[in-house]
Amino acid sequence: MYETSAYLLDGRVEQDPRRGFSLVVHRIEDLNTALERAQEQTRVLSRPKKTRRAG
């Protein structure tokens, strides 16, 4: 993971009056891996033969 320069962080920001802001990370992964997985999940569907146009 240290050879990678871009990461995707899944988490939230919390604010404590004494400590200020902090980022609580639930998951961290390589950005390229996350983009490849998202691309695999997104499939292009062909248009149906009969299409309707507005109007």
PDB file of N, CA and C in Angstrom:
ATOM      1  N   MET A   1       0.814  -1.186   0.000  1.00  0.00           N
ATOM      2  CA  MET A   1       0.000   0.000   0.000  1.00  0.00           C
ATOM      3  C   MET A   1       0.865   1.259   0.000  1.00  0.00           C
ATOM      4  N   TYR A   2       2.060   1.181   0.511  1.00  0.00           N
ATOM      5  CA  TYR A   2       2.897   2.371   0.589  1.00  0.00           C
ATOM      6  C   TYR A   2       3.467   2.776  -0.764  1.00  0.00           C
ATOM      7  N   GLU A   3       3.457   1.865  -1.757  1.00  0.00           N
ATOM      8  CA  GLU A   3       3.925   2.229  -3.089  1.00  0.00           C
ATOM      9  C   GLU A   3       2.885   3.037  -3.854  1.00  0.00           C
ATOM     10  N   THR A   4       1.665   3.024  -3.403  1.00  0.00           N
ATOM     11  CA  THR A   4       0.573   3.723  -4.073  1.00  0.00           C
ATOM     12  C   THR A   4       0.523   5.170  -3.610  1.00  0.00           C
ATOM     13  N   SER A   5       0.164   6.055  -4.547  1.00  0.00           N
ATOM     14  CA  SER A   5       0.140   7.472  -4.188  1.00  0.00           C
ATOM     15  C   SER A   5      -1.265   8.030  -4.012  1.00  0.00           C
ATOM     16  N   ALA A   6      -2.299   7.250  -4.345  1.00  0.00           N
ATOM     17  CA  ALA A   6      -3.672   7.742  -4.209  1.00  0.00           C
ATOM     18  C   ALA A   6      -4.507   6.709  -3.455  1.00  0.00           C
ATOM     19  N   TYR A   7      -5.270   7.187  -2.493  1.00  0.00           N
ATOM     20  CA  TYR A   7      -6.075   6.308  -1.650  1.00  0.00           C
ATOM     21  C   TYR A   7      -7.520   6.792  -1.611  1.00  0.00           C
ATOM     22  N   LEU A   8      -8.412   5.874  -1.350  1.00  0.00           N
ATOM     23  CA  LEU A   8      -9.812   6.192  -1.127  1.00  0.00           C
ATOM     24  C   LEU A   8     -10.092   5.923   0.344  1.00  0.00           C
ATOM     25  N   LEU A   9     -10.497   6.961   1.057  1.00  0.00           N
ATOM     26  CA  LEU A   9     -10.779   6.834   2.483  1.00  0.00           C
ATOM     27  C   LEU A   9     -12.284   6.831   2.698  1.00  0.00           C
ATOM     28  N   ASP A  10     -12.755   5.918   3.504  1.00  0.00           N
ATOM     29  CA  ASP A  10     -14.159   5.868   3.895  1.00  0.00           C
ATOM     30  C   ASP A  10     -14.206   6.131   5.392  1.00  0.00           C
ATOM     31  N   GLY A  11     -14.802   7.237   5.764  1.00  0.00           N
ATOM     32  CA  GLY A  11     -14.833   7.582   7.181  1.00  0.00           C
ATOM     33  C   GLY A  11     -15.710   8.786   7.442  1.00  0.00           C
ATOM     34  N   ARG A  12     -15.468   9.409   8.572  1.00  0.00           N
ATOM     35  CA  ARG A  12     -16.260  10.587   8.931  1.00  0.00           C
ATOM     36  C   ARG A  12     -15.383  11.559   9.717  1.00  0.00           C
ATOM     37  N   VAL A  13     -15.808  12.802   9.745  1.00  0.00           N
ATOM     38  CA  VAL A  13     -15.109  13.842  10.500  1.00  0.00           C
ATOM     39  C   VAL A  13     -15.856  14.057  11.806  1.00  0.00           C
ATOM     40  N   GLU A  14     -15.109  14.083  12.901  1.00  0.00           N
ATOM     41  CA  GLU A  14     -15.696  14.352  14.209  1.00  0.00           C
ATOM     42  C   GLU A  14     -15.072  15.614  14.784  1.00  0.00           C
ATOM     43  N   GLN A  15     -15.844  16.317  15.591  1.00  0.00           N
ATOM     44  CA  GLN A  15     -15.331  17.519  16.253  1.00  0.00           C
ATOM     45  C   GLN A  15     -15.480  17.364  17.759  1.00  0.00           C
ATOM     46  N   ASP A  16     -14.384  17.550  18.437  1.00  0.00           N
ATOM     47  CA  ASP A  16     -14.343  17.520  19.894  1.00  0.00           C
ATOM     48  C   ASP A  16     -13.937  18.918  20.351  1.00  0.00           C
ATOM     49  N   PRO A  17     -14.654  19.526  21.290  1.00  0.00           N
ATOM     50  CA  PRO A  17     -14.320  20.889  21.723  1.00  0.00           C
ATOM     51  C   PRO A  17     -12.878  21.030  22.222  1.00  0.00           C
ATOM     52  N   ARG A  18     -12.346  19.993  22.835  1.00  0.00           N
ATOM     53  CA  ARG A  18     -10.975  20.084  23.368  1.00  0.00           C
ATOM     54  C   ARG A  18      -9.908  19.712  22.346  1.00  0.00           C
ATOM     55  N   ARG A  19     -10.198  18.718  21.516  1.00  0.00           N
ATOM     56  CA  ARG A  19      -9.184  18.233  20.572  1.00  0.00           C
ATOM     57  C   ARG A  19      -9.336  18.804  19.173  1.00  0.00           C
ATOM     58  N   GLY A  20     -10.471  19.383  18.861  1.00  0.00           N
ATOM     59  CA  GLY A  20     -10.698  19.923  17.519  1.00  0.00           C
ATOM     60  C   GLY A  20     -11.247  18.860  16.581  1.00  0.00           C
ATOM     61  N   PHE A  21     -10.911  18.990  15.305  1.00  0.00           N
ATOM     62  CA  PHE A  21     -11.424  18.079  14.285  1.00  0.00           C
ATOM     63  C   PHE A  21     -10.514  16.867  14.138  1.00  0.00           C
ATOM     64  N   SER A  22     -11.120  15.727  13.856  1.00  0.00           N
ATOM     65  CA  SER A  22     -10.351  14.517  13.569  1.00  0.00           C
ATOM     66  C   SER A  22     -11.101  13.697  12.524  1.00  0.00           C
ATOM     67  N   LEU A  23     -10.357  12.950  11.734  1.00  0.00           N
ATOM     68  CA  LEU A  23     -10.924  12.086  10.708  1.00  0.00           C
ATOM     69  C   LEU A  23     -10.882  10.650  11.217  1.00  0.00           C
ATOM     70  N   VAL A  24     -12.046  10.039  11.339  1.00  0.00           N
ATOM     71  CA  VAL A  24     -12.146   8.650  11.771  1.00  0.00           C
ATOM     72  C   VAL A  24     -12.303   7.803  10.513  1.00  0.00           C
ATOM     73  N   VAL A  25     -11.298   7.000  10.201  1.00  0.00           N
ATOM     74  CA  VAL A  25     -11.276   6.210   8.971  1.00  0.00           C
ATOM     75  C   VAL A  25     -11.786   4.803   9.260  1.00  0.00           C
ATOM     76  N   HIS A  26     -12.788   4.381   8.480  1.00  0.00           N
ATOM     77  CA  HIS A  26     -13.338   3.031   8.611  1.00  0.00           C
ATOM     78  C   HIS A  26     -12.653   2.070   7.645  1.00  0.00           C
ATOM     79  N   ARG A  27     -12.309   2.583   6.463  1.00  0.00           N
ATOM     80  CA  ARG A  27     -11.700   1.734   5.439  1.00  0.00           C
ATOM     81  C   ARG A  27     -10.776   2.583   4.586  1.00  0.00           C
ATOM     82  N   ILE A  28      -9.651   2.025   4.180  1.00  0.00           N
ATOM     83  CA  ILE A  28      -8.715   2.698   3.290  1.00  0.00           C
ATOM     84  C   ILE A  28      -8.311   1.702   2.214  1.00  0.00           C
ATOM     85  N   GLU A  29      -8.329   2.143   0.949  1.00  0.00           N
ATOM     86  CA  GLU A  29      -7.928   1.251  -0.130  1.00  0.00           C
ATOM     87  C   GLU A  29      -7.301   2.042  -1.270  1.00  0.00           C
ATOM     88  N   ASP A  30      -6.622   1.326  -2.125  1.00  0.00           N
ATOM     89  CA  ASP A  30      -5.977   1.914  -3.287  1.00  0.00           C
ATOM     90  C   ASP A  30      -7.046   2.487  -4.223  1.00  0.00           C
ATOM     91  N   LEU A  31      -6.859   3.705  -4.676  1.00  0.00           N
ATOM     92  CA  LEU A  31      -7.850   4.362  -5.526  1.00  0.00           C
ATOM     93  C   LEU A  31      -8.027   3.625  -6.847  1.00  0.00           C
ATOM     94  N   ASN A  32      -6.949   3.156  -7.460  1.00  0.00           N
ATOM     95  CA  ASN A  32      -7.062   2.435  -8.734  1.00  0.00           C
ATOM     96  C   ASN A  32      -7.888   1.164  -8.585  1.00  0.00           C
ATOM     97  N   THR A  33      -7.706   0.447  -7.495  1.00  0.00           N
ATOM     98  CA  THR A  33      -8.486  -0.761  -7.244  1.00  0.00           C
ATOM     99  C   THR A  33      -9.966  -0.429  -7.087  1.00  0.00           C
ATOM    100  N   ALA A  34     -10.264   0.634  -6.366  1.00  0.00           N
ATOM    101  CA  ALA A  34     -11.657   1.047  -6.172  1.00  0.00           C
ATOM    102  C   ALA A  34     -12.295   1.456  -7.494  1.00  0.00           C
ATOM    103  N   LEU A  35     -11.550   2.164  -8.345  1.00  0.00           N
ATOM    104  CA  LEU A  35     -12.085   2.582  -9.643  1.00  0.00           C
ATOM    105  C   LEU A  35     -12.303   1.389 -10.565  1.00  0.00           C
ATOM    106  N   GLU A  36     -11.389   0.425 -10.549  1.00  0.00           N
ATOM    107  CA  GLU A  36     -11.563  -0.776 -11.363  1.00  0.00           C
ATOM    108  C   GLU A  36     -12.795  -1.558 -10.922  1.00  0.00           C
ATOM    109  N   ARG A  37     -12.998  -1.680  -9.616  1.00  0.00           N
ATOM    110  CA  ARG A  37     -14.168  -2.394  -9.102  1.00  0.00           C
ATOM    111  C   ARG A  37     -15.459  -1.672  -9.490  1.00  0.00           C
ATOM    112  N   ALA A  38     -15.454  -0.355  -9.415  1.00  0.00           N
ATOM    113  CA  ALA A  38     -16.646   0.416  -9.786  1.00  0.00           C
ATOM    114  C   ALA A  38     -16.935   0.277 -11.274  1.00  0.00           C
ATOM    115  N   GLN A  39     -15.883   0.230 -12.082  1.00  0.00           N
ATOM    116  CA  GLN A  39     -16.069   0.087 -13.526  1.00  0.00           C
ATOM    117  C   GLN A  39     -16.638  -1.289 -13.859  1.00  0.00           C
ATOM    118  N   GLU A  40     -16.202  -2.322 -13.144  1.00  0.00           N
ATOM    119  CA  GLU A  40     -16.742  -3.666 -13.357  1.00  0.00           C
ATOM    120  C   GLU A  40     -18.216  -3.733 -12.987  1.00  0.00           C
ATOM    121  N   GLN A  41     -18.615  -3.012 -11.954  1.00  0.00           N
ATOM    122  CA  GLN A  41     -20.004  -3.041 -11.499  1.00  0.00           C
ATOM    123  C   GLN A  41     -20.916  -2.250 -12.423  1.00  0.00           C
ATOM    124  N   THR A  42     -20.360  -1.301 -13.155  1.00  0.00           N
ATOM    125  CA  THR A  42     -21.150  -0.469 -14.058  1.00  0.00           C
ATOM    126  C   THR A  42     -21.112  -1.088 -15.443  1.00  0.00           C
ATOM    127  N   ARG A  43     -22.181  -1.678 -15.837  1.00  0.00           N
ATOM    128  CA  ARG A  43     -22.271  -2.310 -17.150  1.00  0.00           C
ATOM    129  C   ARG A  43     -23.106  -1.422 -18.065  1.00  0.00           C
ATOM    130  N   VAL A  44     -22.691  -1.330 -19.305  1.00  0.00           N
ATOM    131  CA  VAL A  44     -23.448  -0.556 -20.285  1.00  0.00           C
ATOM    132  C   VAL A  44     -24.513  -1.466 -20.862  1.00  0.00           C
ATOM    133  N   LEU A  45     -25.740  -1.031 -20.790  1.00  0.00           N
ATOM    134  CA  LEU A  45     -26.855  -1.809 -21.308  1.00  0.00           C
ATOM    135  C   LEU A  45     -27.240  -1.280 -22.678  1.00  0.00           C
ATOM    136  N   SER A  46     -27.544  -2.181 -23.593  1.00  0.00           N
ATOM    137  CA  SER A  46     -27.969  -1.747 -24.920  1.00  0.00           C
ATOM    138  C   SER A  46     -29.388  -1.199 -24.846  1.00  0.00           C
ATOM    139  N   ARG A  47     -29.678  -0.253 -25.742  1.00  0.00           N
ATOM    140  CA  ARG A  47     -31.020   0.335 -25.785  1.00  0.00           C
ATOM    141  C   ARG A  47     -32.006  -0.687 -26.324  1.00  0.00           C
ATOM    142  N   PRO A  48     -33.223  -0.656 -25.811  1.00  0.00           N
ATOM    143  CA  PRO A  48     -34.238  -1.550 -26.379  1.00  0.00           C
ATOM    144  C   PRO A  48     -34.527  -1.157 -27.828  1.00  0.00           C
ATOM    145  N   LYS A  49     -34.999  -2.116 -28.611  1.00  0.00           N
ATOM    146  CA  LYS A  49     -35.263  -1.850 -30.026  1.00  0.00           C
ATOM    147  C   LYS A  49     -36.329  -0.785 -30.205  1.00  0.00           C
ATOM    148  N   LYS A  50     -37.322  -0.799 -29.349  1.00  0.00           N
ATOM    149  CA  LYS A  50     -38.385   0.201 -29.420  1.00  0.00           C
ATOM    150  C   LYS A  50     -38.095   1.265 -28.373  1.00  0.00           C
ATOM    151  N   THR A  51     -37.758   2.441 -28.828  1.00  0.00           N
ATOM    152  CA  THR A  51     -37.515   3.538 -27.895  1.00  0.00           C
ATOM    153  C   THR A  51     -38.586   4.591 -28.075  1.00  0.00           C
ATOM    154  N   ARG A  52     -38.927   5.234 -26.994  1.00  0.00           N
ATOM    155  CA  ARG A  52     -39.931   6.292 -27.041  1.00  0.00           C
ATOM    156  C   ARG A  52     -39.241   7.613 -26.804  1.00  0.00           C
ATOM    157  N   ARG A  53     -39.648   8.589 -27.559  1.00  0.00           N
ATOM    158  CA  ARG A  53     -39.116   9.930 -27.376  1.00  0.00           C
ATOM    159  C   ARG A  53     -40.177  10.812 -26.747  1.00  0.00           C
ATOM    160  N   ALA A  54     -39.706  11.725 -25.933  1.00  0.00           N
ATOM    161  CA  ALA A  54     -40.640  12.667 -25.302  1.00  0.00           C
ATOM    162  C   ALA A  54     -41.197  13.601 -26.363  1.00  0.00           C
ATOM    163  N   GLY A  55     -42.473  13.939 -26.212  1.00  0.00           N
ATOM    164  CA  GLY A  55     -43.037  14.939 -27.107  1.00  0.00           C
ATOM    165  C   GLY A  55     -44.121  14.471 -27.913  1.00  0.00           C
TER     166      GLY A  55
END
